[in-house]
């Protein structure tokens, strides 16, 4: 129910916002805190500080659990990824020995977007993984998604985690 002027004003405002470096940090690890799902569906480390192998997962925990429980929008998160993921993701981003094509062709030299193609640098790893997976299995539709189908068709979950870790490790 917004007027054209109100919609333009809102679009201009949101377009002017700049991503904040450090809001999401990517950390490689072999062992990660055991977790539970708390209020609001957010994951937290168990109080006993127990650890478990990360395996083939991305585990997202708040940088400051207390602030996260208060829903402080500045508290930030840590994306824990398997050791070696960032280097493997960098190799895949560059073409992955024919497994995919280099991301910079469409997303620009710094992966910060090119024309209508979005920025992918510094996005949370779980967001990148979800988008890649949805494109691969057909849950996303649209003309731009059609261009990504060949890019993702040979990627397995390990590859998508690695790409997500690499892209998430970059400054937005």
C-alpha atoms as a PDB file:
ATOM      1  CA  UNK A   1       0.000   0.000   0.000  1.00  0.00           C
ATOM      2  CA  UNK A   2       2.954   2.317  -0.531  1.00  0.00           C
ATOM      3  CA  UNK A   3       3.009   5.027  -3.126  1.00  0.00           C
ATOM      4  CA  UNK A   4       5.642   4.989  -5.874  1.00  0.00           C
ATOM      5  CA  UNK A   5       7.455   7.803  -4.075  1.00  0.00           C
ATOM      6  CA  UNK A   6       7.469   5.910  -0.765  1.00  0.00           C
ATOM      7  CA  UNK A   7       8.766   2.756  -2.457  1.00  0.00           C
ATOM      8  CA  UNK A   8      11.541   4.710  -4.176  1.00  0.00           C
ATOM      9  CA  UNK A   9      12.463   6.360  -0.894  1.00  0.00           C
ATOM     10  CA  UNK A  10      12.655   2.971   0.857  1.00  0.00           C
ATOM     11  CA  UNK A  11      14.659   1.443  -2.017  1.00  0.00           C
ATOM     12  CA  UNK A  12      17.097   4.368  -1.968  1.00  0.00           C
ATOM     13  CA  UNK A  13      17.537   4.016   1.783  1.00  0.00           C
ATOM     14  CA  UNK A  14      18.245   0.270   1.677  1.00  0.00           C
ATOM     15  CA  UNK A  15      20.529   0.673  -1.346  1.00  0.00           C
ATOM     16  CA  UNK A  16      22.570   3.228   0.611  1.00  0.00           C
ATOM     17  CA  UNK A  17      23.310   0.781   3.451  1.00  0.00           C
ATOM     18  CA  UNK A  18      26.798  -0.672   3.318  1.00  0.00           C
ATOM     19  CA  UNK A  19      27.649  -4.186   4.568  1.00  0.00           C
ATOM     20  CA  UNK A  20      29.552  -4.234   7.835  1.00  0.00           C
ATOM     21  CA  UNK A  21      32.817  -6.196   7.888  1.00  0.00           C
ATOM     22  CA  UNK A  22      33.140  -8.451  10.905  1.00  0.00           C
ATOM     23  CA  UNK A  23      29.433  -9.073  11.458  1.00  0.00           C
ATOM     24  CA  UNK A  24      29.979 -12.648  10.284  1.00  0.00           C
ATOM     25  CA  UNK A  25      33.379 -14.274  10.739  1.00  0.00           C
ATOM     26  CA  UNK A  26      34.401 -17.568   9.153  1.00  0.00           C
ATOM     27  CA  UNK A  27      36.547 -19.845  11.324  1.00  0.00           C
ATOM     28  CA  UNK A  28      37.992 -23.165  10.163  1.00  0.00           C
ATOM     29  CA  UNK A  29      38.029 -25.955  12.731  1.00  0.00           C
ATOM     30  CA  UNK A  30      38.052 -29.724  13.145  1.00  0.00           C
ATOM     31  CA  UNK A  31      36.100 -29.602  16.413  1.00  0.00           C
ATOM     32  CA  UNK A  32      33.168 -27.355  17.201  1.00  0.00           C
ATOM     33  CA  UNK A  33      31.142 -26.714  20.330  1.00  0.00           C
ATOM     34  CA  UNK A  34      28.189 -29.006  20.863  1.00  0.00           C
ATOM     35  CA  UNK A  35      25.102 -26.921  20.363  1.00  0.00           C
ATOM     36  CA  UNK A  36      21.417 -26.706  21.085  1.00  0.00           C
ATOM     37  CA  UNK A  37      18.655 -24.699  19.450  1.00  0.00           C
ATOM     38  CA  UNK A  38      17.476 -21.980  21.786  1.00  0.00           C
ATOM     39  CA  UNK A  39      14.728 -19.405  21.773  1.00  0.00           C
ATOM     40  CA  UNK A  40      13.794 -18.091  18.370  1.00  0.00           C
ATOM     41  CA  UNK A  41      15.464 -21.038  16.615  1.00  0.00           C
ATOM     42  CA  UNK A  42      18.981 -19.691  17.239  1.00  0.00           C
ATOM     43  CA  UNK A  43      21.838 -22.130  17.882  1.00  0.00           C
ATOM     44  CA  UNK A  44      23.960 -21.738  21.033  1.00  0.00           C
ATOM     45  CA  UNK A  45      26.923 -23.651  22.513  1.00  0.00           C
ATOM     46  CA  UNK A  46      26.030 -26.032  25.335  1.00  0.00           C
ATOM     47  CA  UNK A  47      26.964 -24.729  28.788  1.00  0.00           C
ATOM     48  CA  UNK A  48      29.296 -27.690  29.456  1.00  0.00           C
ATOM     49  CA  UNK A  49      31.694 -26.506  26.704  1.00  0.00           C
ATOM     50  CA  UNK A  50      31.708 -29.991  25.127  1.00  0.00           C
ATOM     51  CA  UNK A  51      33.092 -30.359  21.598  1.00  0.00           C
ATOM     52  CA  UNK A  52      32.313 -32.633  18.658  1.00  0.00           C
ATOM     53  CA  UNK A  53      33.781 -33.119  15.167  1.00  0.00           C
ATOM     54  CA  UNK A  54      32.439 -30.562  12.716  1.00  0.00           C
ATOM     55  CA  UNK A  55      32.234 -33.117   9.919  1.00  0.00           C
ATOM     56  CA  UNK A  56      30.704 -31.777   6.710  1.00  0.00           C
ATOM     57  CA  UNK A  57      28.740 -28.905   8.253  1.00  0.00           C
ATOM     58  CA  UNK A  58      28.590 -25.169   8.766  1.00  0.00           C
ATOM     59  CA  UNK A  59      27.803 -24.370  12.394  1.00  0.00           C
ATOM     60  CA  UNK A  60      26.728 -20.805  13.144  1.00  0.00           C
ATOM     61  CA  UNK A  61      27.113 -19.453  16.676  1.00  0.00           C
ATOM     62  CA  UNK A  62      26.733 -15.922  18.014  1.00  0.00           C
ATOM     63  CA  UNK A  63      29.908 -13.967  18.743  1.00  0.00           C
ATOM     64  CA  UNK A  64      28.272 -12.818  21.975  1.00  0.00           C
ATOM     65  CA  UNK A  65      25.562 -15.243  23.153  1.00  0.00           C
ATOM     66  CA  UNK A  66      24.127 -12.820  25.713  1.00  0.00           C
ATOM     67  CA  UNK A  67      23.659 -10.042  23.144  1.00  0.00           C
ATOM     68  CA  UNK A  68      22.250 -12.546  20.658  1.00  0.00           C
ATOM     69  CA  UNK A  69      19.662 -13.696  23.205  1.00  0.00           C
ATOM     70  CA  UNK A  70      18.662 -10.050  23.570  1.00  0.00           C
ATOM     71  CA  UNK A  71      18.381  -9.869  19.757  1.00  0.00           C
ATOM     72  CA  UNK A  72      20.993  -7.107  19.593  1.00  0.00           C
ATOM     73  CA  UNK A  73      21.400  -6.544  15.826  1.00  0.00           C
ATOM     74  CA  UNK A  74      25.088  -5.683  16.288  1.00  0.00           C
ATOM     75  CA  UNK A  75      26.162  -8.877  18.087  1.00  0.00           C
ATOM     76  CA  UNK A  76      27.465 -10.753  15.002  1.00  0.00           C
ATOM     77  CA  UNK A  77      28.018 -14.438  14.293  1.00  0.00           C
ATOM     78  CA  UNK A  78      30.792 -16.964  13.688  1.00  0.00           C
ATOM     79  CA  UNK A  79      30.419 -19.458  10.842  1.00  0.00           C
ATOM     80  CA  UNK A  80      32.485 -22.518  11.780  1.00  0.00           C
ATOM     81  CA  UNK A  81      33.539 -24.549   8.726  1.00  0.00           C
ATOM     82  CA  UNK A  82      35.726 -27.635   8.200  1.00  0.00           C
ATOM     83  CA  UNK A  83      39.482 -27.057   8.145  1.00  0.00           C
ATOM     84  CA  UNK A  84      40.748 -26.442   4.591  1.00  0.00           C
ATOM     85  CA  UNK A  85      37.405 -25.152   3.337  1.00  0.00           C
ATOM     86  CA  UNK A  86      38.559 -21.616   2.574  1.00  0.00           C
ATOM     87  CA  UNK A  87      41.487 -22.710   0.368  1.00  0.00           C
ATOM     88  CA  UNK A  88      39.337 -25.309  -1.399  1.00  0.00           C
ATOM     89  CA  UNK A  89      36.636 -22.670  -1.924  1.00  0.00           C
ATOM     90  CA  UNK A  90      39.168 -20.225  -3.372  1.00  0.00           C
ATOM     91  CA  UNK A  91      40.237 -22.882  -5.883  1.00  0.00           C
ATOM     92  CA  UNK A  92      36.618 -23.608  -6.813  1.00  0.00           C
ATOM     93  CA  UNK A  93      35.881 -19.886  -7.137  1.00  0.00           C
ATOM     94  CA  UNK A  94      38.699 -19.711  -9.672  1.00  0.00           C
ATOM     95  CA  UNK A  95      37.187 -22.500 -11.775  1.00  0.00           C
ATOM     96  CA  UNK A  96      37.927 -25.605  -9.761  1.00  0.00           C
ATOM     97  CA  UNK A  97      39.882 -27.407 -12.475  1.00  0.00           C
ATOM     98  CA  UNK A  98      36.834 -27.490 -14.710  1.00  0.00           C
ATOM     99  CA  UNK A  99      34.324 -28.466 -12.022  1.00  0.00           C
ATOM    100  CA  UNK A 100      32.726 -25.027 -12.318  1.00  0.00           C
ATOM    101  CA  UNK A 101      33.553 -21.626 -13.779  1.00  0.00           C
ATOM    102  CA  UNK A 102      35.201 -18.687 -12.083  1.00  0.00           C
ATOM    103  CA  UNK A 103      32.737 -16.607 -10.100  1.00  0.00           C
ATOM    104  CA  UNK A 104      34.422 -13.336 -11.135  1.00  0.00           C
ATOM    105  CA  UNK A 105      33.121 -13.645 -14.706  1.00  0.00           C
ATOM    106  CA  UNK A 106      29.633 -12.670 -13.603  1.00  0.00           C
ATOM    107  CA  UNK A 107      30.033 -11.360 -10.035  1.00  0.00           C
ATOM    108  CA  UNK A 108      32.902  -8.991 -10.845  1.00  0.00           C
ATOM    109  CA  UNK A 109      36.629  -8.947 -10.098  1.00  0.00           C
ATOM    110  CA  UNK A 110      36.108  -8.482  -6.331  1.00  0.00           C
ATOM    111  CA  UNK A 111      32.912 -10.574  -6.215  1.00  0.00           C
ATOM    112  CA  UNK A 112      31.028  -7.445  -5.147  1.00  0.00           C
ATOM    113  CA  UNK A 113      28.510  -7.623  -7.971  1.00  0.00           C
ATOM    114  CA  UNK A 114      28.416  -6.524 -11.560  1.00  0.00           C
ATOM    115  CA  UNK A 115      25.372  -4.741 -12.940  1.00  0.00           C
ATOM    116  CA  UNK A 116      22.321  -6.725 -11.868  1.00  0.00           C
ATOM    117  CA  UNK A 117      24.435  -9.677 -10.726  1.00  0.00           C
ATOM    118  CA  UNK A 118      24.635  -9.522  -6.910  1.00  0.00           C
ATOM    119  CA  UNK A 119      27.591  -9.246  -4.614  1.00  0.00           C
ATOM    120  CA  UNK A 120      28.583 -12.570  -3.064  1.00  0.00           C
ATOM    121  CA  UNK A 121      31.646 -11.437  -1.086  1.00  0.00           C
ATOM    122  CA  UNK A 122      31.216 -11.493   2.667  1.00  0.00           C
ATOM    123  CA  UNK A 123      27.767 -13.090   2.716  1.00  0.00           C
ATOM    124  CA  UNK A 124      27.088 -15.531   5.562  1.00  0.00           C
ATOM    125  CA  UNK A 125      28.234 -19.034   4.634  1.00  0.00           C
ATOM    126  CA  UNK A 126      24.844 -20.615   5.339  1.00  0.00           C
ATOM    127  CA  UNK A 127      23.172 -18.082   3.046  1.00  0.00           C
ATOM    128  CA  UNK A 128      25.579 -18.850   0.180  1.00  0.00           C
ATOM    129  CA  UNK A 129      25.203 -22.602   0.701  1.00  0.00           C
ATOM    130  CA  UNK A 130      21.406 -22.361   0.704  1.00  0.00           C
ATOM    131  CA  UNK A 131      21.385 -20.321  -2.522  1.00  0.00           C
ATOM    132  CA  UNK A 132      23.801 -22.674  -4.320  1.00  0.00           C
ATOM    133  CA  UNK A 133      21.889 -25.736  -3.165  1.00  0.00           C
ATOM    134  CA  UNK A 134      18.496 -24.263  -4.094  1.00  0.00           C
ATOM    135  CA  UNK A 135      19.793 -23.436  -7.572  1.00  0.00           C
ATOM    136  CA  UNK A 136      21.243 -26.922  -7.961  1.00  0.00           C
ATOM    137  CA  UNK A 137      18.104 -28.803  -6.920  1.00  0.00           C
ATOM    138  CA  UNK A 138      15.696 -26.460  -8.714  1.00  0.00           C
ATOM    139  CA  UNK A 139      14.093 -24.693  -5.751  1.00  0.00           C
ATOM    140  CA  UNK A 140      14.999 -21.302  -7.234  1.00  0.00           C
ATOM    141  CA  UNK A 141      13.615 -20.127 -10.542  1.00  0.00           C
ATOM    142  CA  UNK A 142      14.160 -17.152 -12.814  1.00  0.00           C
ATOM    143  CA  UNK A 143      16.304 -16.007 -15.707  1.00  0.00           C
ATOM    144  CA  UNK A 144      19.413 -15.350 -13.592  1.00  0.00           C
ATOM    145  CA  UNK A 145      19.099 -18.749 -11.930  1.00  0.00           C
ATOM    146  CA  UNK A 146      19.128 -20.397 -15.352  1.00  0.00           C
ATOM    147  CA  UNK A 147      22.625 -18.985 -15.864  1.00  0.00           C
ATOM    148  CA  UNK A 148      23.774 -20.543 -12.573  1.00  0.00           C
ATOM    149  CA  UNK A 149      22.548 -24.080 -13.303  1.00  0.00           C
ATOM    150  CA  UNK A 150      25.689 -25.038 -15.255  1.00  0.00           C
ATOM    151  CA  UNK A 151      27.840 -23.391 -12.587  1.00  0.00           C
ATOM    152  CA  UNK A 152      26.443 -25.548  -9.763  1.00  0.00           C
ATOM    153  CA  UNK A 153      25.533 -28.817 -11.497  1.00  0.00           C
ATOM    154  CA  UNK A 154      28.822 -30.637 -10.686  1.00  0.00           C
ATOM    155  CA  UNK A 155      29.199 -29.265  -7.154  1.00  0.00           C
ATOM    156  CA  UNK A 156      28.605 -31.608  -4.208  1.00  0.00           C
ATOM    157  CA  UNK A 157      27.851 -30.559  -0.622  1.00  0.00           C
ATOM    158  CA  UNK A 158      31.575 -30.408   0.276  1.00  0.00           C
ATOM    159  CA  UNK A 159      32.192 -28.092  -2.682  1.00  0.00           C
ATOM    160  CA  UNK A 160      29.295 -25.838  -1.765  1.00  0.00           C
ATOM    161  CA  UNK A 161      30.462 -25.662   1.862  1.00  0.00           C
ATOM    162  CA  UNK A 162      33.967 -24.753   0.660  1.00  0.00           C
ATOM    163  CA  UNK A 163      32.699 -22.046  -1.707  1.00  0.00           C
ATOM    164  CA  UNK A 164      30.454 -20.713   1.054  1.00  0.00           C
ATOM    165  CA  UNK A 165      33.372 -20.621   3.504  1.00  0.00           C
ATOM    166  CA  UNK A 166      35.619 -18.803   1.042  1.00  0.00           C
ATOM    167  CA  UNK A 167      33.011 -16.232   0.023  1.00  0.00           C
ATOM    168  CA  UNK A 168      31.987 -15.698   3.652  1.00  0.00           C
ATOM    169  CA  UNK A 169      35.615 -15.062   4.626  1.00  0.00           C
ATOM    170  CA  UNK A 170      35.876 -12.067   2.274  1.00  0.00           C
ATOM    171  CA  UNK A 171      35.134  -8.468   3.219  1.00  0.00           C
ATOM    172  CA  UNK A 172      31.689  -7.457   1.954  1.00  0.00           C
END
